[in-house]
Amino acid sequence: CPNAVCSSSAWSPDGKLLAYARRNASEFGAATLSPPRLWLFDPATGESLPLFNDNQTLAFEPNWSADGAWISYVSPNDGGVGVVHLERGETHFYPTISGESARWHPTQTRFLYTLFQQQDEQFVAHLIEVDPVSGETHNLSGEQALVEDGAPAWSPDGSWIALRRKVLDGPDSTPGKQIWLLRDDGTAAEALTRDAGADHSAPQWSPDGRYLLFHKLPLKGPEITLSVWILDVETGTSWKVAEPGQRPQWMP
């Protein structure tokens, strides 16, 4: 990336292309001050090309569909999540203020994103499943659920979703966000953590689907430090592995 800052890279499922966000330097300022655009790098040829012909299309945080036909991205222009079909150039946009990228199913052409909306006199954040081919959408949080959902992660086989959830009312409500588990249709919701005095986020599945990595932040002192934890989904036990630490990832 000469005269540029490149970040948030993602390999295509077949490993033949690398999508990444690029900020180019210009006569008006350094690269770090430039808005991000998506590029594709072909390691076989060494060539990089912008994903969109229109250089006014800003985007970052690319993610690939399982078949490699679609790329999702966060669109700062429009405020939401966009998806583009690489061959057809077909694009769809889903408005949201979450700032989170889409999360594709590991084997099927559907993805999740978080939608903020008003319900009665308060705002909720619901997990929406989208099929970009059929256009069908499903609210996996529940249409009337008083929750703030986000940071979803599919299990390796796609049958479960781990997420960050804050319940806003009722016996499960807590000041801090907890790690929850849902089936892929939104049923069988279960809290995996119950530490009301801490925020939990960024769950990541181990390749065998047995464990979840996440980070944890105490809401009160004396020391407020992010730490990384592992949770055994089968037994429910968890333990700290690093402090300080955040946004952990498993080795492939």
C-alpha atoms as a PDB file:
ATOM      1  CA  CYS A   1       0.000   0.000   0.000  1.00  0.00           C
ATOM      2  CA  PRO A   2       2.333   2.785  -1.151  1.00  0.00           C
ATOM      3  CA  ASN A   3       1.118   6.236  -0.037  1.00  0.00           C
ATOM      4  CA  ALA A   4      -1.882   4.600   1.606  1.00  0.00           C
ATOM      5  CA  VAL A   5      -3.156   3.040   4.821  1.00  0.00           C
ATOM      6  CA  CYS A   6      -4.724  -0.416   4.374  1.00  0.00           C
ATOM      7  CA  SER A   7      -6.733  -2.328   6.976  1.00  0.00           C
ATOM      8  CA  SER A   8      -9.669  -4.692   7.736  1.00  0.00           C
ATOM      9  CA  SER A   9      -8.613  -7.319   5.207  1.00  0.00           C
ATOM     10  CA  ALA A  10     -10.639 -10.466   4.446  1.00  0.00           C
ATOM     11  CA  TRP A  11      -9.719 -13.452   2.256  1.00  0.00           C
ATOM     12  CA  SER A  12     -12.260 -14.883  -0.166  1.00  0.00           C
ATOM     13  CA  PRO A  13     -13.353 -18.447   0.762  1.00  0.00           C
ATOM     14  CA  ASP A  14     -11.176 -19.930  -2.018  1.00  0.00           C
ATOM     15  CA  GLY A  15      -8.172 -17.823  -0.978  1.00  0.00           C
ATOM     16  CA  LYS A  16      -7.773 -16.256  -4.428  1.00  0.00           C
ATOM     17  CA  LEU A  17      -8.685 -12.654  -3.547  1.00  0.00           C
ATOM     18  CA  LEU A  18      -8.111 -10.360  -0.614  1.00  0.00           C
ATOM     19  CA  ALA A  19     -10.655  -7.609   0.072  1.00  0.00           C
ATOM     20  CA  TYR A  20      -9.416  -4.687   2.159  1.00  0.00           C
ATOM     21  CA  ALA A  21     -10.146  -1.079   3.075  1.00  0.00           C
ATOM     22  CA  ARG A  22      -7.710   1.467   1.668  1.00  0.00           C
ATOM     23  CA  ARG A  23      -7.160   5.134   2.534  1.00  0.00           C
ATOM     24  CA  ASN A  24      -5.084   6.877  -0.133  1.00  0.00           C
ATOM     25  CA  ALA A  25      -2.952   9.922   0.551  1.00  0.00           C
ATOM     26  CA  SER A  26      -3.800  12.998  -1.488  1.00  0.00           C
ATOM     27  CA  GLU A  27      -2.710  16.576  -1.996  1.00  0.00           C
ATOM     28  CA  PHE A  28      -5.200  17.541   0.692  1.00  0.00           C
ATOM     29  CA  GLY A  29      -3.837  15.357   3.473  1.00  0.00           C
ATOM     30  CA  ALA A  30      -2.198  12.193   4.732  1.00  0.00           C
ATOM     31  CA  ALA A  31      -3.696   8.766   4.110  1.00  0.00           C
ATOM     32  CA  THR A  32      -4.967   8.465   7.688  1.00  0.00           C
ATOM     33  CA  LEU A  33      -7.227  11.481   7.029  1.00  0.00           C
ATOM     34  CA  SER A  34      -8.720  10.087   3.817  1.00  0.00           C
ATOM     35  CA  PRO A  35     -12.046   8.214   3.729  1.00  0.00           C
ATOM     36  CA  PRO A  36     -11.893   4.404   3.250  1.00  0.00           C
ATOM     37  CA  ARG A  37     -12.689   2.585   0.000  1.00  0.00           C
ATOM     38  CA  LEU A  38     -12.741  -1.138  -0.752  1.00  0.00           C
ATOM     39  CA  TRP A  39     -10.088  -2.745  -2.941  1.00  0.00           C
ATOM     40  CA  LEU A  40      -9.400  -6.290  -4.142  1.00  0.00           C
ATOM     41  CA  PHE A  41      -5.899  -7.756  -4.271  1.00  0.00           C
ATOM     42  CA  ASP A  42      -5.035 -10.732  -6.493  1.00  0.00           C
ATOM     43  CA  PRO A  43      -1.911 -12.434  -5.045  1.00  0.00           C
ATOM     44  CA  ALA A  44      -1.403 -14.451  -8.250  1.00  0.00           C
ATOM     45  CA  THR A  45      -0.865 -11.300 -10.338  1.00  0.00           C
ATOM     46  CA  GLY A  46       0.062  -8.799  -7.619  1.00  0.00           C
ATOM     47  CA  GLU A  47      -2.651  -6.478  -8.928  1.00  0.00           C
ATOM     48  CA  SER A  48      -4.975  -4.359  -6.769  1.00  0.00           C
ATOM     49  CA  LEU A  49      -8.163  -2.796  -8.113  1.00  0.00           C
ATOM     50  CA  PRO A  50     -10.972  -0.802  -6.469  1.00  0.00           C
ATOM     51  CA  LEU A  51     -14.115  -2.841  -5.834  1.00  0.00           C
ATOM     52  CA  PHE A  52     -16.434  -0.081  -7.073  1.00  0.00           C
ATOM     53  CA  ASN A  53     -16.127   1.892 -10.303  1.00  0.00           C
ATOM     54  CA  ASP A  54     -17.525   4.947  -8.549  1.00  0.00           C
ATOM     55  CA  ASN A  55     -14.684   6.313  -6.411  1.00  0.00           C
ATOM     56  CA  GLN A  56     -17.213   8.186  -4.295  1.00  0.00           C
ATOM     57  CA  THR A  57     -18.436   4.885  -2.811  1.00  0.00           C
ATOM     58  CA  LEU A  58     -16.919   4.721   0.663  1.00  0.00           C
ATOM     59  CA  ALA A  59     -16.746   1.391   2.490  1.00  0.00           C
ATOM     60  CA  PHE A  60     -14.794  -0.619   5.051  1.00  0.00           C
ATOM     61  CA  GLU A  61     -14.981  -3.887   7.070  1.00  0.00           C
ATOM     62  CA  PRO A  62     -15.475  -6.288   4.110  1.00  0.00           C
ATOM     63  CA  ASN A  63     -16.835  -9.799   4.689  1.00  0.00           C
ATOM     64  CA  TRP A  64     -17.393 -12.584   2.121  1.00  0.00           C
ATOM     65  CA  SER A  65     -20.375 -14.853   1.666  1.00  0.00           C
ATOM     66  CA  ALA A  66     -19.642 -18.585   1.929  1.00  0.00           C
ATOM     67  CA  ASP A  67     -19.787 -19.048  -1.863  1.00  0.00           C
ATOM     68  CA  GLY A  68     -17.538 -16.037  -2.509  1.00  0.00           C
ATOM     69  CA  ALA A  69     -20.180 -14.362  -4.695  1.00  0.00           C
ATOM     70  CA  TRP A  70     -21.056 -11.504  -2.321  1.00  0.00           C
ATOM     71  CA  ILE A  71     -19.109  -8.994  -0.249  1.00  0.00           C
ATOM     72  CA  SER A  72     -20.718  -7.075   2.589  1.00  0.00           C
ATOM     73  CA  TYR A  73     -19.334  -3.818   3.951  1.00  0.00           C
ATOM     74  CA  VAL A  74     -20.048  -0.924   6.278  1.00  0.00           C
ATOM     75  CA  SER A  75     -21.118   2.168   4.321  1.00  0.00           C
ATOM     76  CA  PRO A  76     -20.242   5.467   6.019  1.00  0.00           C
ATOM     77  CA  ASN A  77     -21.909   7.404   3.171  1.00  0.00           C
ATOM     78  CA  ASP A  78     -25.374   6.035   3.770  1.00  0.00           C
ATOM     79  CA  GLY A  79     -25.100   4.868   7.364  1.00  0.00           C
ATOM     80  CA  GLY A  80     -25.619   1.135   7.251  1.00  0.00           C
ATOM     81  CA  VAL A  81     -24.598  -2.205   5.758  1.00  0.00           C
ATOM     82  CA  GLY A  82     -24.186  -2.748   2.023  1.00  0.00           C
ATOM     83  CA  VAL A  83     -23.737  -5.946  -0.002  1.00  0.00           C
ATOM     84  CA  VAL A  84     -22.499  -6.279  -3.577  1.00  0.00           C
ATOM     85  CA  HIS A  85     -22.529  -9.254  -5.964  1.00  0.00           C
ATOM     86  CA  LEU A  86     -19.075  -9.369  -7.564  1.00  0.00           C
ATOM     87  CA  GLU A  87     -20.098 -10.641 -11.010  1.00  0.00           C
ATOM     88  CA  ARG A  88     -23.418  -8.855 -11.482  1.00  0.00           C
ATOM     89  CA  GLY A  89     -22.540  -5.634  -9.669  1.00  0.00           C
ATOM     90  CA  GLU A  90     -25.910  -5.933  -7.912  1.00  0.00           C
ATOM     91  CA  THR A  91     -26.002  -3.984  -4.641  1.00  0.00           C
ATOM     92  CA  HIS A  92     -28.377  -3.838  -1.679  1.00  0.00           C
ATOM     93  CA  PHE A  93     -28.346  -1.510   1.312  1.00  0.00           C
ATOM     94  CA  TYR A  94     -29.676  -1.946   4.851  1.00  0.00           C
ATOM     95  CA  PRO A  95     -29.824   1.244   6.965  1.00  0.00           C
ATOM     96  CA  THR A  96     -28.612   0.967  10.558  1.00  0.00           C
ATOM     97  CA  ILE A  97     -26.685   3.105  13.032  1.00  0.00           C
ATOM     98  CA  SER A  98     -24.979   0.148  14.714  1.00  0.00           C
ATOM     99  CA  GLY A  99     -21.651   0.641  12.904  1.00  0.00           C
ATOM    100  CA  GLU A 100     -21.173  -3.151  12.921  1.00  0.00           C
ATOM    101  CA  SER A 101     -20.390  -5.179   9.820  1.00  0.00           C
ATOM    102  CA  ALA A 102     -22.556  -8.041   8.537  1.00  0.00           C
ATOM    103  CA  ARG A 103     -21.823 -11.629   9.586  1.00  0.00           C
ATOM    104  CA  TRP A 104     -22.348 -14.294   6.893  1.00  0.00           C
ATOM    105  CA  HIS A 105     -23.602 -17.811   7.576  1.00  0.00           C
ATOM    106  CA  PRO A 106     -20.650 -20.247   7.267  1.00  0.00           C
ATOM    107  CA  THR A 107     -22.300 -22.385   4.552  1.00  0.00           C
ATOM    108  CA  GLN A 108     -25.355 -20.500   3.218  1.00  0.00           C
ATOM    109  CA  THR A 109     -25.996 -17.184   1.458  1.00  0.00           C
ATOM    110  CA  ARG A 110     -27.520 -15.247   4.333  1.00  0.00           C
ATOM    111  CA  PHE A 111     -26.141 -12.821   6.868  1.00  0.00           C
ATOM    112  CA  LEU A 112     -26.890 -11.048  10.151  1.00  0.00           C
ATOM    113  CA  TYR A 113     -26.806  -7.372  11.006  1.00  0.00           C
ATOM    114  CA  THR A 114     -27.977  -5.266  13.946  1.00  0.00           C
ATOM    115  CA  LEU A 115     -30.887  -2.849  13.484  1.00  0.00           C
ATOM    116  CA  PHE A 116     -31.687  -0.058  15.960  1.00  0.00           C
ATOM    117  CA  GLN A 117     -35.344   0.927  16.136  1.00  0.00           C
ATOM    118  CA  GLN A 118     -37.809   2.579  18.483  1.00  0.00           C
ATOM    119  CA  GLN A 119     -40.266   0.396  20.359  1.00  0.00           C
ATOM    120  CA  ASP A 120     -42.828   2.142  22.530  1.00  0.00           C
ATOM    121  CA  GLU A 121     -40.817   4.777  24.417  1.00  0.00           C
ATOM    122  CA  GLN A 122     -37.356   3.242  24.167  1.00  0.00           C
ATOM    123  CA  PHE A 123     -34.846   2.123  21.579  1.00  0.00           C
ATOM    124  CA  VAL A 124     -33.986  -1.515  20.983  1.00  0.00           C
ATOM    125  CA  ALA A 125     -31.324  -3.258  18.874  1.00  0.00           C
ATOM    126  CA  HIS A 126     -32.492  -6.378  17.057  1.00  0.00           C
ATOM    127  CA  LEU A 127     -30.632  -9.047  15.135  1.00  0.00           C
ATOM    128  CA  ILE A 128     -31.878  -9.231  11.538  1.00  0.00           C
ATOM    129  CA  GLU A 129     -31.197 -12.176   9.214  1.00  0.00           C
ATOM    130  CA  VAL A 130     -31.127 -11.336   5.486  1.00  0.00           C
ATOM    131  CA  ASP A 131     -31.172 -13.475   2.331  1.00  0.00           C
ATOM    132  CA  PRO A 132     -29.858 -11.073  -0.361  1.00  0.00           C
ATOM    133  CA  VAL A 133     -30.995 -13.410  -3.154  1.00  0.00           C
ATOM    134  CA  SER A 134     -34.673 -13.678  -2.175  1.00  0.00           C
ATOM    135  CA  GLY A 135     -34.799 -10.410  -0.247  1.00  0.00           C
ATOM    136  CA  GLU A 136     -36.373 -12.149   2.759  1.00  0.00           C
ATOM    137  CA  THR A 137     -35.586 -10.851   6.243  1.00  0.00           C
ATOM    138  CA  HIS A 138     -36.254 -12.310   9.703  1.00  0.00           C
ATOM    139  CA  ASN A 139     -36.025 -10.671  13.105  1.00  0.00           C
ATOM    140  CA  LEU A 140     -34.204 -13.267  15.212  1.00  0.00           C
ATOM    141  CA  SER A 141     -34.406 -11.172  18.383  1.00  0.00           C
ATOM    142  CA  GLY A 142     -38.217 -11.171  18.315  1.00  0.00           C
ATOM    143  CA  GLU A 143     -40.367  -8.314  17.026  1.00  0.00           C
ATOM    144  CA  GLN A 144     -41.421  -7.156  20.489  1.00  0.00           C
ATOM    145  CA  ALA A 145     -38.246  -8.080  22.391  1.00  0.00           C
ATOM    146  CA  LEU A 146     -36.907  -5.383  24.721  1.00  0.00           C
ATOM    147  CA  VAL A 147     -33.230  -6.143  24.094  1.00  0.00           C
ATOM    148  CA  GLU A 148     -30.064  -4.634  22.699  1.00  0.00           C
ATOM    149  CA  ASP A 149     -28.422  -7.332  20.540  1.00  0.00           C
ATOM    150  CA  GLY A 150     -25.143  -7.096  18.646  1.00  0.00           C
ATOM    151  CA  ALA A 151     -21.769  -8.655  17.772  1.00  0.00           C
ATOM    152  CA  PRO A 152     -23.288 -11.913  16.426  1.00  0.00           C
ATOM    153  CA  ALA A 153     -21.071 -14.905  15.638  1.00  0.00           C
ATOM    154  CA  TRP A 154     -22.212 -18.066  13.827  1.00  0.00           C
ATOM    155  CA  SER A 155     -21.068 -21.412  15.184  1.00  0.00           C
ATOM    156  CA  PRO A 156     -18.854 -23.336  12.714  1.00  0.00           C
ATOM    157  CA  ASP A 157     -21.777 -25.491  11.545  1.00  0.00           C
ATOM    158  CA  GLY A 158     -24.189 -22.529  11.411  1.00  0.00           C
ATOM    159  CA  SER A 159     -26.698 -24.031  13.843  1.00  0.00           C
ATOM    160  CA  TRP A 160     -26.106 -21.566  16.707  1.00  0.00           C
ATOM    161  CA  ILE A 161     -25.456 -17.836  17.100  1.00  0.00           C
ATOM    162  CA  ALA A 162     -23.482 -16.342  19.979  1.00  0.00           C
ATOM    163  CA  LEU A 163     -24.090 -12.644  20.577  1.00  0.00           C
ATOM    164  CA  ARG A 164     -23.872  -9.744  22.979  1.00  0.00           C
ATOM    165  CA  ARG A 165     -27.259  -8.998  24.572  1.00  0.00           C
ATOM    166  CA  LYS A 166     -28.561  -6.504  27.102  1.00  0.00           C
ATOM    167  CA  VAL A 167     -32.072  -7.291  28.330  1.00  0.00           C
ATOM    168  CA  LEU A 168     -33.873  -4.017  29.032  1.00  0.00           C
ATOM    169  CA  ASP A 169     -36.758  -5.284  31.162  1.00  0.00           C
ATOM    170  CA  GLY A 170     -37.730  -8.303  33.246  1.00  0.00           C
ATOM    171  CA  PRO A 171     -35.843 -10.816  35.424  1.00  0.00           C
ATOM    172  CA  ASP A 172     -32.951 -11.197  32.932  1.00  0.00           C
ATOM    173  CA  SER A 173     -32.196  -7.455  32.760  1.00  0.00           C
ATOM    174  CA  THR A 174     -28.693  -6.405  33.839  1.00  0.00           C
ATOM    175  CA  PRO A 175     -26.678  -3.154  33.699  1.00  0.00           C
ATOM    176  CA  GLY A 176     -24.010  -4.901  31.652  1.00  0.00           C
ATOM    177  CA  LYS A 177     -24.311  -6.763  28.353  1.00  0.00           C
ATOM    178  CA  GLN A 178     -24.025 -10.565  28.559  1.00  0.00           C
ATOM    179  CA  ILE A 179     -23.069 -13.339  26.121  1.00  0.00           C
ATOM    180  CA  TRP A 180     -26.174 -15.192  24.909  1.00  0.00           C
ATOM    181  CA  LEU A 181     -26.773 -18.180  22.656  1.00  0.00           C
ATOM    182  CA  LEU A 182     -29.584 -18.582  20.098  1.00  0.00           C
ATOM    183  CA  ARG A 183     -30.490 -21.258  17.603  1.00  0.00           C
ATOM    184  CA  ASP A 184     -30.153 -20.129  13.986  1.00  0.00           C
ATOM    185  CA  ASP A 185     -33.919 -19.436  13.887  1.00  0.00           C
ATOM    186  CA  GLY A 186     -33.837 -17.256  17.014  1.00  0.00           C
ATOM    187  CA  THR A 187     -35.277 -19.852  19.403  1.00  0.00           C
ATOM    188  CA  ALA A 188     -33.806 -21.462  22.553  1.00  0.00           C
ATOM    189  CA  ALA A 189     -32.270 -18.181  23.790  1.00  0.00           C
ATOM    190  CA  GLU A 190     -29.961 -18.764  26.764  1.00  0.00           C
ATOM    191  CA  ALA A 191     -27.652 -16.492  28.766  1.00  0.00           C
ATOM    192  CA  LEU A 192     -24.123 -17.915  28.977  1.00  0.00           C
ATOM    193  CA  THR A 193     -22.765 -15.214  31.308  1.00  0.00           C
ATOM    194  CA  ARG A 194     -24.574 -13.613  34.251  1.00  0.00           C
ATOM    195  CA  ASP A 195     -22.111 -11.096  35.664  1.00  0.00           C
ATOM    196  CA  ALA A 196     -24.357  -8.038  35.995  1.00  0.00           C
ATOM    197  CA  GLY A 197     -21.409  -5.807  36.885  1.00  0.00           C
ATOM    198  CA  ALA A 198     -19.566  -6.266  33.583  1.00  0.00           C
ATOM    199  CA  ASP A 199     -19.996  -5.765  29.864  1.00  0.00           C
ATOM    200  CA  HIS A 200     -19.267  -8.811  27.667  1.00  0.00           C
ATOM    201  CA  SER A 201     -18.691  -8.642  23.907  1.00  0.00           C
ATOM    202  CA  ALA A 202     -16.967  -9.909  20.739  1.00  0.00           C
ATOM    203  CA  PRO A 203     -17.763 -13.648  21.097  1.00  0.00           C
ATOM    204  CA  GLN A 204     -15.725 -15.876  18.770  1.00  0.00           C
ATOM    205  CA  TRP A 205     -16.209 -19.634  18.298  1.00  0.00           C
ATOM    206  CA  SER A 206     -13.378 -22.130  18.418  1.00  0.00           C
ATOM    207  CA  PRO A 207     -13.052 -24.138  15.171  1.00  0.00           C
ATOM    208  CA  ASP A 208     -14.576 -27.223  16.871  1.00  0.00           C
ATOM    209  CA  GLY A 209     -17.585 -25.255  18.202  1.00  0.00           C
ATOM    210  CA  ARG A 210     -16.833 -26.174  21.849  1.00  0.00           C
ATOM    211  CA  TYR A 211     -15.539 -22.855  23.215  1.00  0.00           C
ATOM    212  CA  LEU A 212     -16.208 -19.131  22.953  1.00  0.00           C
ATOM    213  CA  LEU A 213     -13.630 -16.383  23.295  1.00  0.00           C
ATOM    214  CA  PHE A 214     -14.918 -12.983  24.439  1.00  0.00           C
ATOM    215  CA  HIS A 215     -13.761  -9.859  26.184  1.00  0.00           C
ATOM    216  CA  LYS A 216     -15.070  -8.494  29.468  1.00  0.00           C
ATOM    217  CA  LEU A 217     -15.102  -4.995  30.953  1.00  0.00           C
ATOM    218  CA  PRO A 218     -16.011  -4.208  34.594  1.00  0.00           C
ATOM    219  CA  LEU A 219     -18.533  -1.385  34.901  1.00  0.00           C
ATOM    220  CA  LYS A 220     -17.084  -0.150  38.206  1.00  0.00           C
ATOM    221  CA  GLY A 221     -13.588   0.259  39.686  1.00  0.00           C
ATOM    222  CA  PRO A 222     -11.189   0.240  41.347  1.00  0.00           C
ATOM    223  CA  GLU A 223      -9.582  -1.025  38.123  1.00  0.00           C
ATOM    224  CA  ILE A 224     -11.544  -0.978  34.871  1.00  0.00           C
ATOM    225  CA  THR A 225      -9.509  -3.090  32.447  1.00  0.00           C
ATOM    226  CA  LEU A 226     -10.602  -5.153  29.443  1.00  0.00           C
ATOM    227  CA  SER A 227      -9.755  -8.835  29.782  1.00  0.00           C
ATOM    228  CA  VAL A 228     -10.087 -11.904  27.522  1.00  0.00           C
ATOM    229  CA  TRP A 229     -12.001 -14.989  28.649  1.00  0.00           C
ATOM    230  CA  ILE A 230     -12.796 -18.490  27.368  1.00  0.00           C
ATOM    231  CA  LEU A 231     -16.181 -20.115  27.958  1.00  0.00           C
ATOM    232  CA  ASP A 232     -16.874 -23.834  27.590  1.00  0.00           C
ATOM    233  CA  VAL A 233     -20.294 -23.933  25.882  1.00  0.00           C
ATOM    234  CA  GLU A 234     -20.954 -27.525  26.974  1.00  0.00           C
ATOM    235  CA  THR A 235     -20.217 -27.088  30.701  1.00  0.00           C
ATOM    236  CA  GLY A 236     -20.842 -23.353  31.120  1.00  0.00           C
ATOM    237  CA  THR A 237     -17.513 -22.796  32.906  1.00  0.00           C
ATOM    238  CA  SER A 238     -15.315 -19.818  31.972  1.00  0.00           C
ATOM    239  CA  TRP A 239     -11.841 -18.556  32.854  1.00  0.00           C
ATOM    240  CA  LYS A 240      -9.661 -15.538  32.182  1.00  0.00           C
ATOM    241  CA  VAL A 241      -6.741 -15.958  29.765  1.00  0.00           C
ATOM    242  CA  ALA A 242      -5.376 -12.415  29.354  1.00  0.00           C
ATOM    243  CA  GLU A 243      -5.550  -8.999  31.001  1.00  0.00           C
ATOM    244  CA  PRO A 244      -5.461  -6.454  29.465  1.00  0.00           C
ATOM    245  CA  GLY A 245      -6.863  -7.691  26.156  1.00  0.00           C
ATOM    246  CA  GLN A 246      -9.748  -7.216  23.751  1.00  0.00           C
ATOM    247  CA  ARG A 247     -11.390  -8.514  20.557  1.00  0.00           C
ATOM    248  CA  PRO A 248      -9.742 -11.968  20.656  1.00  0.00           C
ATOM    249  CA  GLN A 249      -9.512 -14.268  17.623  1.00  0.00           C
ATOM    250  CA  TRP A 250      -8.845 -17.994  17.332  1.00  0.00           C
ATOM    251  CA  MET A 251      -5.996 -19.345  15.257  1.00  0.00           C
ATOM    252  CA  PRO A 252      -7.421 -21.219  12.221  1.00  0.00           C
END
